[in-house]
Amino acid sequence: MPKGRKKRRRDIEKDYPAKQFAAKLRRLADCIEQGRQFRIQVAGERIVVPAGAVINIAHERGRSSEEIEFQLVWPVS
C-alpha cells in the first residue's frame, strides 16, 4: 500500500489445520530468534511484522472456554 494511504480497520480470526499452524509458528520463531521481520498472509492480506514488535502472551478464562493468544504488537506508520 502506498505511503499516505490509510489502512482500513480489521479484526478477523482465521482457523488453520494443526500442521499448517505449526509451520507458521516455526517460521515466526525463526524470525524472532534471528531478529528479522516476519511476513505472513492472513485472509488475503499480506502483513509484515517488524523485528522490533512487542511479543506477549495473553490468557483468558470464561465459564465455558479458555483462550491463549500469542500477540505481536507494533505501531502503525
C-alpha atoms as a PDB file:
ATOM      1  CA  MET A   1       0.000   0.000   0.000  1.00  0.00           C
ATOM      2  CA  PRO A   2       1.447   3.387  -0.969  1.00  0.00           C
ATOM      3  CA  LYS A   3       2.574   5.641   1.860  1.00  0.00           C
ATOM      4  CA  GLY A   4      -0.007   8.168   2.947  1.00  0.00           C
ATOM      5  CA  ARG A   5      -2.991   5.898   2.313  1.00  0.00           C
ATOM      6  CA  LYS A   6      -4.804   4.880   5.430  1.00  0.00           C
ATOM      7  CA  LYS A   7      -5.381   1.174   6.036  1.00  0.00           C
ATOM      8  CA  ARG A   8      -8.893   0.071   6.921  1.00  0.00           C
ATOM      9  CA  ARG A   9      -9.552  -1.248  10.410  1.00  0.00           C
ATOM     10  CA  ARG A  10      -9.586  -5.010  10.559  1.00  0.00           C
ATOM     11  CA  ASP A  11     -10.407  -7.622  13.203  1.00  0.00           C
ATOM     12  CA  ILE A  12     -10.550 -11.194  11.938  1.00  0.00           C
ATOM     13  CA  GLU A  13      -9.691 -14.687  13.067  1.00  0.00           C
ATOM     14  CA  LYS A  14      -8.722 -17.472  10.701  1.00  0.00           C
ATOM     15  CA  ASP A  15      -8.630 -21.158  11.561  1.00  0.00           C
ATOM     16  CA  TYR A  16      -5.779 -23.333  10.264  1.00  0.00           C
ATOM     17  CA  PRO A  17      -5.162 -27.083  10.312  1.00  0.00           C
ATOM     18  CA  ALA A  18      -2.675 -28.033  13.059  1.00  0.00           C
ATOM     19  CA  LYS A  19       0.153 -28.875  10.624  1.00  0.00           C
ATOM     20  CA  GLN A  20      -0.146 -25.558   8.775  1.00  0.00           C
ATOM     21  CA  PHE A  21      -0.373 -23.603  12.051  1.00  0.00           C
ATOM     22  CA  ALA A  22       2.771 -25.330  13.374  1.00  0.00           C
ATOM     23  CA  ALA A  23       4.664 -24.427  10.189  1.00  0.00           C
ATOM     24  CA  LYS A  24       3.698 -20.767  10.594  1.00  0.00           C
ATOM     25  CA  LEU A  25       4.809 -20.806  14.238  1.00  0.00           C
ATOM     26  CA  ARG A  26       8.172 -22.310  13.230  1.00  0.00           C
ATOM     27  CA  ARG A  27       8.733 -19.590  10.640  1.00  0.00           C
ATOM     28  CA  LEU A  28       7.765 -16.939  13.203  1.00  0.00           C
ATOM     29  CA  ALA A  29      10.092 -18.417  15.842  1.00  0.00           C
ATOM     30  CA  ASP A  30      12.990 -18.469  13.363  1.00  0.00           C
ATOM     31  CA  CYS A  31      12.439 -14.793  12.505  1.00  0.00           C
ATOM     32  CA  ILE A  32      12.206 -13.809  16.178  1.00  0.00           C
ATOM     33  CA  GLU A  33      15.438 -15.666  17.038  1.00  0.00           C
ATOM     34  CA  GLN A  34      17.262 -14.133  14.078  1.00  0.00           C
ATOM     35  CA  GLY A  35      15.958 -10.596  14.701  1.00  0.00           C
ATOM     36  CA  ARG A  36      14.245 -10.447  11.293  1.00  0.00           C
ATOM     37  CA  GLN A  37      10.869  -9.154  10.207  1.00  0.00           C
ATOM     38  CA  PHE A  38       8.130 -11.758   9.719  1.00  0.00           C
ATOM     39  CA  ARG A  39       5.899 -11.814   6.640  1.00  0.00           C
ATOM     40  CA  ILE A  40       2.562 -13.588   6.612  1.00  0.00           C
ATOM     41  CA  GLN A  41      -0.664 -13.526   4.632  1.00  0.00           C
ATOM     42  CA  VAL A  42      -3.910 -13.710   6.622  1.00  0.00           C
ATOM     43  CA  ALA A  43      -7.264 -13.945   4.852  1.00  0.00           C
ATOM     44  CA  GLY A  44      -5.846 -12.459   1.665  1.00  0.00           C
ATOM     45  CA  GLU A  45      -3.877  -9.570   3.197  1.00  0.00           C
ATOM     46  CA  ARG A  46      -0.090  -9.537   3.370  1.00  0.00           C
ATOM     47  CA  ILE A  47       1.286  -8.354   6.690  1.00  0.00           C
ATOM     48  CA  VAL A  48       4.853  -7.510   7.661  1.00  0.00           C
ATOM     49  CA  VAL A  49       5.659  -7.740  11.366  1.00  0.00           C
ATOM     50  CA  PRO A  50       8.781  -5.684  12.145  1.00  0.00           C
ATOM     51  CA  ALA A  51      11.654  -7.247  14.039  1.00  0.00           C
ATOM     52  CA  GLY A  52      11.086  -4.862  16.964  1.00  0.00           C
ATOM     53  CA  ALA A  53       7.457  -5.851  17.575  1.00  0.00           C
ATOM     54  CA  VAL A  54       6.475  -6.383  21.217  1.00  0.00           C
ATOM     55  CA  ILE A  55       5.717 -10.040  21.907  1.00  0.00           C
ATOM     56  CA  ASN A  56       3.317 -11.126  24.626  1.00  0.00           C
ATOM     57  CA  ILE A  57       1.065 -13.997  25.572  1.00  0.00           C
ATOM     58  CA  ALA A  58      -2.487 -13.427  26.788  1.00  0.00           C
ATOM     59  CA  HIS A  59      -4.701 -15.904  28.649  1.00  0.00           C
ATOM     60  CA  GLU A  60      -8.450 -15.559  29.102  1.00  0.00           C
ATOM     61  CA  ARG A  61     -10.744 -17.863  31.056  1.00  0.00           C
ATOM     62  CA  GLY A  62     -14.519 -17.801  30.822  1.00  0.00           C
ATOM     63  CA  ARG A  63     -17.271 -20.052  32.118  1.00  0.00           C
ATOM     64  CA  SER A  64     -17.195 -22.395  29.143  1.00  0.00           C
ATOM     65  CA  SER A  65     -13.801 -21.907  27.465  1.00  0.00           C
ATOM     66  CA  GLU A  66     -10.208 -20.731  27.803  1.00  0.00           C
ATOM     67  CA  GLU A  67      -8.058 -18.919  25.296  1.00  0.00           C
ATOM     68  CA  ILE A  68      -4.356 -18.291  24.770  1.00  0.00           C
ATOM     69  CA  GLU A  69      -3.241 -15.648  22.300  1.00  0.00           C
ATOM     70  CA  PHE A  70       0.315 -15.188  21.091  1.00  0.00           C
ATOM     71  CA  GLN A  71       0.432 -11.498  20.231  1.00  0.00           C
ATOM     72  CA  LEU A  72       2.841  -9.330  18.308  1.00  0.00           C
ATOM     73  CA  VAL A  73       2.166  -5.594  18.618  1.00  0.00           C
ATOM     74  CA  TRP A  74       3.811  -2.699  16.778  1.00  0.00           C
ATOM     75  CA  PRO A  75       2.948   0.918  15.955  1.00  0.00           C
ATOM     76  CA  VAL A  76       1.448   1.723  12.584  1.00  0.00           C
ATOM     77  CA  SER A  77       3.426   4.028  10.363  1.00  0.00           C
END
